[in-house]
C-alpha cells in the first residue's frame, strides 16, 4: 500500500469519528518519520469541513538548565526532562479541547533557550482537529489527551541512518554520542509500551510504503 493510500484511508476514518475538538497524536522514536507523516495526514484531512492545526512537541522543550540537570549524557534525563508537559497541556491541549478560540502552538525554543514570541493560533471554525507529532507521546501523563493516536515503528538501525543523512550525525545507534538518546528512548519503550496504547500502529520503515500493523479504532 502506498503512503497516500494508507493516509487517505486513515484520514477518512479519523474524520468519521471526530467530534468538535479532536486531538491526534503521532508518536515514534527520533527518525521514525513523525513530522513527515503528520504533515501528509493533515493534507489528506483538508477540505473536509474541518480546520486542521499542526503542532510539535519540539516547540515545548524545557529550558536548558532543566533538560541537562541530570547531565548532558544522561538517558534518564533525556526521557524525564526534555519536555515541558505541564505547559503542553495548559497552553495547547487543554485550551484546544475546551473550545478556546486561540491556542499556543509553540511555547519554547530550545535553540535560543527562550520562550517563543509566535502569536497565538486563532481557531476560526467550530470544528477543528489538532495533529501533534513528537517523541514520548504515550507517557501516562499525556495519554488521556489523545482522541486518536498513531505510533510509528522503525528499527533503530534505520532511524539512525536517516538522522545521519539529515543531520550529519553518527549512523551507529551504539556510538557513544548516541547513548543519551538511544537509551532514553529504550526507557520509554520499556516503561510506557506505546504500541499497546496507540489507536494505530504503523511500520514506517519504508517512507513510501508504510504498513498498518495494529488497528484499534
C-alpha atoms as a PDB file:
ATOM      1  CA  UNK A   1       0.000   0.000   0.000  1.00  0.00           C
ATOM      2  CA  UNK A   2       1.335   3.430  -0.873  1.00  0.00           C
ATOM      3  CA  UNK A   3       1.713   6.205   1.706  1.00  0.00           C
ATOM      4  CA  UNK A   4      -1.062   8.291   0.128  1.00  0.00           C
ATOM      5  CA  UNK A   5      -3.461   5.357   0.034  1.00  0.00           C
ATOM      6  CA  UNK A   6      -2.848   4.491   3.681  1.00  0.00           C
ATOM      7  CA  UNK A   7      -3.074   8.080   4.912  1.00  0.00           C
ATOM      8  CA  UNK A   8      -6.165   8.874   2.867  1.00  0.00           C
ATOM      9  CA  UNK A   9      -7.878   5.886   4.458  1.00  0.00           C
ATOM     10  CA  UNK A  10      -6.785   6.850   7.974  1.00  0.00           C
ATOM     11  CA  UNK A  11      -7.785  10.470   7.428  1.00  0.00           C
ATOM     12  CA  UNK A  12     -11.280   9.425   6.389  1.00  0.00           C
ATOM     13  CA  UNK A  13     -11.693   7.141   9.383  1.00  0.00           C
ATOM     14  CA  UNK A  14     -10.448   9.772  11.840  1.00  0.00           C
ATOM     15  CA  UNK A  15     -12.780  12.412  10.405  1.00  0.00           C
ATOM     16  CA  UNK A  16     -15.668   9.949  10.667  1.00  0.00           C
ATOM     17  CA  UNK A  17     -15.216   9.657  14.461  1.00  0.00           C
ATOM     18  CA  UNK A  18     -14.048  13.225  15.117  1.00  0.00           C
ATOM     19  CA  UNK A  19     -16.016  15.495  17.435  1.00  0.00           C
ATOM     20  CA  UNK A  20     -15.932  19.287  17.830  1.00  0.00           C
ATOM     21  CA  UNK A  21     -12.326  19.382  19.039  1.00  0.00           C
ATOM     22  CA  UNK A  22     -10.269  16.275  18.239  1.00  0.00           C
ATOM     23  CA  UNK A  23      -6.593  15.663  19.033  1.00  0.00           C
ATOM     24  CA  UNK A  24      -4.484  13.228  17.013  1.00  0.00           C
ATOM     25  CA  UNK A  25      -1.038  12.262  18.321  1.00  0.00           C
ATOM     26  CA  UNK A  26       1.722  10.940  16.051  1.00  0.00           C
ATOM     27  CA  UNK A  27       4.380   9.211  18.172  1.00  0.00           C
ATOM     28  CA  UNK A  28       7.600   7.341  17.443  1.00  0.00           C
ATOM     29  CA  UNK A  29      11.310   7.394  18.179  1.00  0.00           C
ATOM     30  CA  UNK A  30      13.638  10.027  16.716  1.00  0.00           C
ATOM     31  CA  UNK A  31      13.924   9.497  12.967  1.00  0.00           C
ATOM     32  CA  UNK A  32      10.727   7.466  12.664  1.00  0.00           C
ATOM     33  CA  UNK A  33       9.209   9.977  10.244  1.00  0.00           C
ATOM     34  CA  UNK A  34       6.627  11.507  12.598  1.00  0.00           C
ATOM     35  CA  UNK A  35       6.606  15.066  11.229  1.00  0.00           C
ATOM     36  CA  UNK A  36       6.610  13.890   7.619  1.00  0.00           C
ATOM     37  CA  UNK A  37       3.701  11.524   8.180  1.00  0.00           C
ATOM     38  CA  UNK A  38       1.756  14.030  10.308  1.00  0.00           C
ATOM     39  CA  UNK A  39       2.148  16.705   7.620  1.00  0.00           C
ATOM     40  CA  UNK A  40       0.830  14.372   4.952  1.00  0.00           C
ATOM     41  CA  UNK A  41      -2.013  13.163   7.166  1.00  0.00           C
ATOM     42  CA  UNK A  42      -3.003  16.806   7.643  1.00  0.00           C
ATOM     43  CA  UNK A  43      -3.040  17.322   3.874  1.00  0.00           C
ATOM     44  CA  UNK A  44      -5.435  14.406   3.468  1.00  0.00           C
ATOM     45  CA  UNK A  45      -7.748  15.903   6.103  1.00  0.00           C
ATOM     46  CA  UNK A  46      -8.070  19.298   4.447  1.00  0.00           C
ATOM     47  CA  UNK A  47     -11.183  20.372   2.537  1.00  0.00           C
ATOM     48  CA  UNK A  48     -13.479  18.203   4.653  1.00  0.00           C
ATOM     49  CA  UNK A  49     -15.124  20.977   6.656  1.00  0.00           C
ATOM     50  CA  UNK A  50     -12.588  20.757   9.486  1.00  0.00           C
ATOM     51  CA  UNK A  51      -9.909  23.251  10.462  1.00  0.00           C
ATOM     52  CA  UNK A  52      -6.614  21.345  10.664  1.00  0.00           C
ATOM     53  CA  UNK A  53      -3.934  22.561  13.082  1.00  0.00           C
ATOM     54  CA  UNK A  54      -0.386  21.193  13.241  1.00  0.00           C
ATOM     55  CA  UNK A  55       1.902  21.318  16.255  1.00  0.00           C
ATOM     56  CA  UNK A  56       5.007  19.535  17.538  1.00  0.00           C
ATOM     57  CA  UNK A  57       6.282  18.570  20.971  1.00  0.00           C
ATOM     58  CA  UNK A  58       9.618  20.040  19.854  1.00  0.00           C
ATOM     59  CA  UNK A  59       8.159  23.502  20.460  1.00  0.00           C
ATOM     60  CA  UNK A  60       7.561  22.634  24.127  1.00  0.00           C
ATOM     61  CA  UNK A  61      11.065  21.823  25.351  1.00  0.00           C
ATOM     62  CA  UNK A  62      12.168  22.581  28.861  1.00  0.00           C
ATOM     63  CA  UNK A  63      14.833  25.228  29.363  1.00  0.00           C
ATOM     64  CA  UNK A  64      18.427  24.039  29.051  1.00  0.00           C
ATOM     65  CA  UNK A  65      19.049  24.026  32.799  1.00  0.00           C
ATOM     66  CA  UNK A  66      16.184  21.579  33.280  1.00  0.00           C
ATOM     67  CA  UNK A  67      16.975  19.416  30.246  1.00  0.00           C
ATOM     68  CA  UNK A  68      20.535  18.784  31.409  1.00  0.00           C
ATOM     69  CA  UNK A  69      20.099  18.770  35.182  1.00  0.00           C
ATOM     70  CA  UNK A  70      20.903  15.041  35.264  1.00  0.00           C
ATOM     71  CA  UNK A  71      23.903  15.537  32.954  1.00  0.00           C
ATOM     72  CA  UNK A  72      24.257  16.039  29.223  1.00  0.00           C
ATOM     73  CA  UNK A  73      24.796  12.328  28.594  1.00  0.00           C
ATOM     74  CA  UNK A  74      22.041  11.014  30.886  1.00  0.00           C
ATOM     75  CA  UNK A  75      19.423   8.765  29.219  1.00  0.00           C
ATOM     76  CA  UNK A  76      17.137   9.252  32.217  1.00  0.00           C
ATOM     77  CA  UNK A  77      17.499  12.988  31.787  1.00  0.00           C
ATOM     78  CA  UNK A  78      16.555  12.752  28.111  1.00  0.00           C
ATOM     79  CA  UNK A  79      13.420  10.756  28.925  1.00  0.00           C
ATOM     80  CA  UNK A  80      12.376  12.632  32.063  1.00  0.00           C
ATOM     81  CA  UNK A  81      13.451  16.233  31.490  1.00  0.00           C
ATOM     82  CA  UNK A  82      13.354  17.067  27.776  1.00  0.00           C
ATOM     83  CA  UNK A  83       9.820  18.463  27.542  1.00  0.00           C
ATOM     84  CA  UNK A  84       7.541  20.755  29.496  1.00  0.00           C
ATOM     85  CA  UNK A  85       4.414  18.625  29.740  1.00  0.00           C
ATOM     86  CA  UNK A  86       2.514  20.994  32.073  1.00  0.00           C
ATOM     87  CA  UNK A  87       2.980  23.795  29.523  1.00  0.00           C
ATOM     88  CA  UNK A  88       1.925  21.488  26.681  1.00  0.00           C
ATOM     89  CA  UNK A  89      -1.293  20.687  28.485  1.00  0.00           C
ATOM     90  CA  UNK A  90      -2.018  24.180  29.820  1.00  0.00           C
ATOM     91  CA  UNK A  91      -1.063  26.231  26.759  1.00  0.00           C
ATOM     92  CA  UNK A  92      -2.121  23.939  23.921  1.00  0.00           C
ATOM     93  CA  UNK A  93      -4.028  20.756  24.658  1.00  0.00           C
ATOM     94  CA  UNK A  94      -6.465  21.759  27.387  1.00  0.00           C
ATOM     95  CA  UNK A  95      -7.452  25.108  25.805  1.00  0.00           C
ATOM     96  CA  UNK A  96      -7.934  23.410  22.460  1.00  0.00           C
ATOM     97  CA  UNK A  97     -10.120  20.650  23.849  1.00  0.00           C
ATOM     98  CA  UNK A  98     -12.153  23.058  25.967  1.00  0.00           C
ATOM     99  CA  UNK A  99     -13.135  25.102  22.910  1.00  0.00           C
ATOM    100  CA  UNK A 100     -10.824  28.110  23.300  1.00  0.00           C
ATOM    101  CA  UNK A 101     -10.707  30.496  20.356  1.00  0.00           C
ATOM    102  CA  UNK A 102      -6.897  30.706  20.430  1.00  0.00           C
ATOM    103  CA  UNK A 103      -4.090  28.358  21.461  1.00  0.00           C
ATOM    104  CA  UNK A 104      -0.305  28.442  21.781  1.00  0.00           C
ATOM    105  CA  UNK A 105       1.107  26.084  19.152  1.00  0.00           C
ATOM    106  CA  UNK A 106       4.651  26.979  20.235  1.00  0.00           C
ATOM    107  CA  UNK A 107       5.978  27.710  23.716  1.00  0.00           C
ATOM    108  CA  UNK A 108       9.771  27.394  23.977  1.00  0.00           C
ATOM    109  CA  UNK A 109      12.669  27.431  21.509  1.00  0.00           C
ATOM    110  CA  UNK A 110      15.433  25.109  22.717  1.00  0.00           C
ATOM    111  CA  UNK A 111      17.923  26.635  20.269  1.00  0.00           C
ATOM    112  CA  UNK A 112      17.669  30.103  21.813  1.00  0.00           C
ATOM    113  CA  UNK A 113      16.737  28.756  25.264  1.00  0.00           C
ATOM    114  CA  UNK A 114      13.897  31.241  25.461  1.00  0.00           C
ATOM    115  CA  UNK A 115      10.122  31.477  25.258  1.00  0.00           C
ATOM    116  CA  UNK A 116       8.842  31.848  21.726  1.00  0.00           C
ATOM    117  CA  UNK A 117       7.222  35.041  20.526  1.00  0.00           C
ATOM    118  CA  UNK A 118       4.949  33.354  17.990  1.00  0.00           C
ATOM    119  CA  UNK A 119       1.413  34.786  18.100  1.00  0.00           C
ATOM    120  CA  UNK A 120      -1.311  32.504  19.408  1.00  0.00           C
ATOM    121  CA  UNK A 121      -3.094  30.496  16.765  1.00  0.00           C
ATOM    122  CA  UNK A 122      -6.659  31.657  16.205  1.00  0.00           C
ATOM    123  CA  UNK A 123      -9.224  28.918  15.612  1.00  0.00           C
ATOM    124  CA  UNK A 124     -11.739  30.197  13.109  1.00  0.00           C
ATOM    125  CA  UNK A 125     -14.273  27.368  12.794  1.00  0.00           C
ATOM    126  CA  UNK A 126     -16.300  25.402  15.347  1.00  0.00           C
ATOM    127  CA  UNK A 127     -14.844  22.073  14.246  1.00  0.00           C
ATOM    128  CA  UNK A 128     -11.081  21.610  14.478  1.00  0.00           C
ATOM    129  CA  UNK A 129      -8.569  18.759  14.514  1.00  0.00           C
ATOM    130  CA  UNK A 130      -5.159  19.210  16.125  1.00  0.00           C
ATOM    131  CA  UNK A 131      -2.377  16.909  14.884  1.00  0.00           C
ATOM    132  CA  UNK A 132       0.602  16.826  17.268  1.00  0.00           C
ATOM    133  CA  UNK A 133       3.798  14.938  16.477  1.00  0.00           C
ATOM    134  CA  UNK A 134       6.642  14.069  18.807  1.00  0.00           C
ATOM    135  CA  UNK A 135       8.511  11.514  20.860  1.00  0.00           C
ATOM    136  CA  UNK A 136       7.283  10.129  24.200  1.00  0.00           C
ATOM    137  CA  UNK A 137       3.629  10.975  23.484  1.00  0.00           C
ATOM    138  CA  UNK A 138       2.229   7.803  25.069  1.00  0.00           C
ATOM    139  CA  UNK A 139       3.545   8.686  28.504  1.00  0.00           C
ATOM    140  CA  UNK A 140       0.903   8.173  31.217  1.00  0.00           C
ATOM    141  CA  UNK A 141       0.586  11.921  31.845  1.00  0.00           C
ATOM    142  CA  UNK A 142      -0.419  12.547  28.221  1.00  0.00           C
ATOM    143  CA  UNK A 143      -2.466   9.546  27.110  1.00  0.00           C
ATOM    144  CA  UNK A 144      -5.799  10.967  28.256  1.00  0.00           C
ATOM    145  CA  UNK A 145      -5.410  13.902  25.861  1.00  0.00           C
ATOM    146  CA  UNK A 146      -5.453  11.837  22.655  1.00  0.00           C
ATOM    147  CA  UNK A 147      -8.686  11.054  20.848  1.00  0.00           C
ATOM    148  CA  UNK A 148      -6.702   9.107  18.242  1.00  0.00           C
ATOM    149  CA  UNK A 149      -3.019   8.215  18.330  1.00  0.00           C
ATOM    150  CA  UNK A 150      -0.531   6.734  15.897  1.00  0.00           C
ATOM    151  CA  UNK A 151       2.705   5.014  16.829  1.00  0.00           C
ATOM    152  CA  UNK A 152       5.352   4.545  14.114  1.00  0.00           C
ATOM    153  CA  UNK A 153       7.614   1.529  14.441  1.00  0.00           C
ATOM    154  CA  UNK A 154      11.027   1.708  12.753  1.00  0.00           C
ATOM    155  CA  UNK A 155      14.223  -0.181  13.732  1.00  0.00           C
ATOM    156  CA  UNK A 156      16.922   1.946  15.331  1.00  0.00           C
ATOM    157  CA  UNK A 157      19.313   0.899  12.563  1.00  0.00           C
ATOM    158  CA  UNK A 158      17.010   2.636  10.093  1.00  0.00           C
ATOM    159  CA  UNK A 159      16.228   5.718  12.202  1.00  0.00           C
ATOM    160  CA  UNK A 160      19.886   6.436  12.951  1.00  0.00           C
ATOM    161  CA  UNK A 161      20.768   6.089   9.272  1.00  0.00           C
ATOM    162  CA  UNK A 162      18.004   8.592   8.464  1.00  0.00           C
ATOM    163  CA  UNK A 163      19.234  11.043  11.090  1.00  0.00           C
ATOM    164  CA  UNK A 164      22.804  10.689   9.855  1.00  0.00           C
ATOM    165  CA  UNK A 165      21.643  11.635   6.360  1.00  0.00           C
ATOM    166  CA  UNK A 166      19.519  14.508   7.689  1.00  0.00           C
ATOM    167  CA  UNK A 167      21.787  15.884  10.423  1.00  0.00           C
ATOM    168  CA  UNK A 168      25.259  14.524   9.715  1.00  0.00           C
ATOM    169  CA  UNK A 169      25.194  12.541  12.972  1.00  0.00           C
ATOM    170  CA  UNK A 170      26.789   9.142  13.618  1.00  0.00           C
ATOM    171  CA  UNK A 171      24.649   6.423  11.963  1.00  0.00           C
ATOM    172  CA  UNK A 172      25.688   3.803  14.542  1.00  0.00           C
ATOM    173  CA  UNK A 173      22.989   3.597  17.255  1.00  0.00           C
ATOM    174  CA  UNK A 174      25.609   2.256  19.676  1.00  0.00           C
ATOM    175  CA  UNK A 175      28.046   5.146  19.169  1.00  0.00           C
ATOM    176  CA  UNK A 176      28.926   6.853  22.492  1.00  0.00           C
ATOM    177  CA  UNK A 177      27.465  10.182  21.363  1.00  0.00           C
ATOM    178  CA  UNK A 178      24.112   8.473  20.720  1.00  0.00           C
ATOM    179  CA  UNK A 179      23.872   6.790  24.135  1.00  0.00           C
ATOM    180  CA  UNK A 180      21.722   9.516  25.764  1.00  0.00           C
ATOM    181  CA  UNK A 181      19.104   9.349  23.016  1.00  0.00           C
ATOM    182  CA  UNK A 182      19.085   5.620  22.280  1.00  0.00           C
ATOM    183  CA  UNK A 183      18.943   4.546  25.922  1.00  0.00           C
ATOM    184  CA  UNK A 184      16.438   7.282  26.769  1.00  0.00           C
ATOM    185  CA  UNK A 185      14.100   6.019  24.072  1.00  0.00           C
ATOM    186  CA  UNK A 186      14.617   2.434  25.207  1.00  0.00           C
ATOM    187  CA  UNK A 187      13.473   3.538  28.671  1.00  0.00           C
ATOM    188  CA  UNK A 188      10.326   4.956  27.084  1.00  0.00           C
ATOM    189  CA  UNK A 189       9.619   1.811  25.085  1.00  0.00           C
ATOM    190  CA  UNK A 190      10.082  -0.480  28.078  1.00  0.00           C
ATOM    191  CA  UNK A 191       8.178   1.593  30.654  1.00  0.00           C
ATOM    192  CA  UNK A 192       5.359   3.122  28.579  1.00  0.00           C
ATOM    193  CA  UNK A 193       4.683   0.424  25.929  1.00  0.00           C
ATOM    194  CA  UNK A 194       3.447   2.891  23.297  1.00  0.00           C
ATOM    195  CA  UNK A 195       2.473   0.182  20.824  1.00  0.00           C
ATOM    196  CA  UNK A 196      -0.043  -1.164  23.359  1.00  0.00           C
ATOM    197  CA  UNK A 197      -1.780   2.199  23.754  1.00  0.00           C
ATOM    198  CA  UNK A 198      -1.845   3.573  20.201  1.00  0.00           C
ATOM    199  CA  UNK A 199      -5.022   3.543  18.135  1.00  0.00           C
ATOM    200  CA  UNK A 200      -2.986   2.714  15.041  1.00  0.00           C
ATOM    201  CA  UNK A 201       0.493   1.173  14.846  1.00  0.00           C
ATOM    202  CA  UNK A 202       2.284   1.771  11.547  1.00  0.00           C
ATOM    203  CA  UNK A 203       5.513   0.210  10.337  1.00  0.00           C
ATOM    204  CA  UNK A 204       7.171   3.260   8.770  1.00  0.00           C
ATOM    205  CA  UNK A 205      10.464   1.619   7.831  1.00  0.00           C
ATOM    206  CA  UNK A 206       9.694   2.459   4.200  1.00  0.00           C
ATOM    207  CA  UNK A 207       8.615   6.106   3.884  1.00  0.00           C
ATOM    208  CA  UNK A 208       6.762   5.462   0.643  1.00  0.00           C
ATOM    209  CA  UNK A 209       5.041   2.218   1.633  1.00  0.00           C
ATOM    210  CA  UNK A 210       4.119   2.334   5.336  1.00  0.00           C
ATOM    211  CA  UNK A 211       2.161  -0.630   6.673  1.00  0.00           C
ATOM    212  CA  UNK A 212      -0.678  -0.601   9.188  1.00  0.00           C
ATOM    213  CA  UNK A 213       0.097  -3.359  11.699  1.00  0.00           C
ATOM    214  CA  UNK A 214      -2.359  -2.616  14.538  1.00  0.00           C
ATOM    215  CA  UNK A 215      -5.844  -1.098  14.233  1.00  0.00           C
ATOM    216  CA  UNK A 216      -7.842  -0.350  17.391  1.00  0.00           C
ATOM    217  CA  UNK A 217     -10.367   2.139  16.081  1.00  0.00           C
END
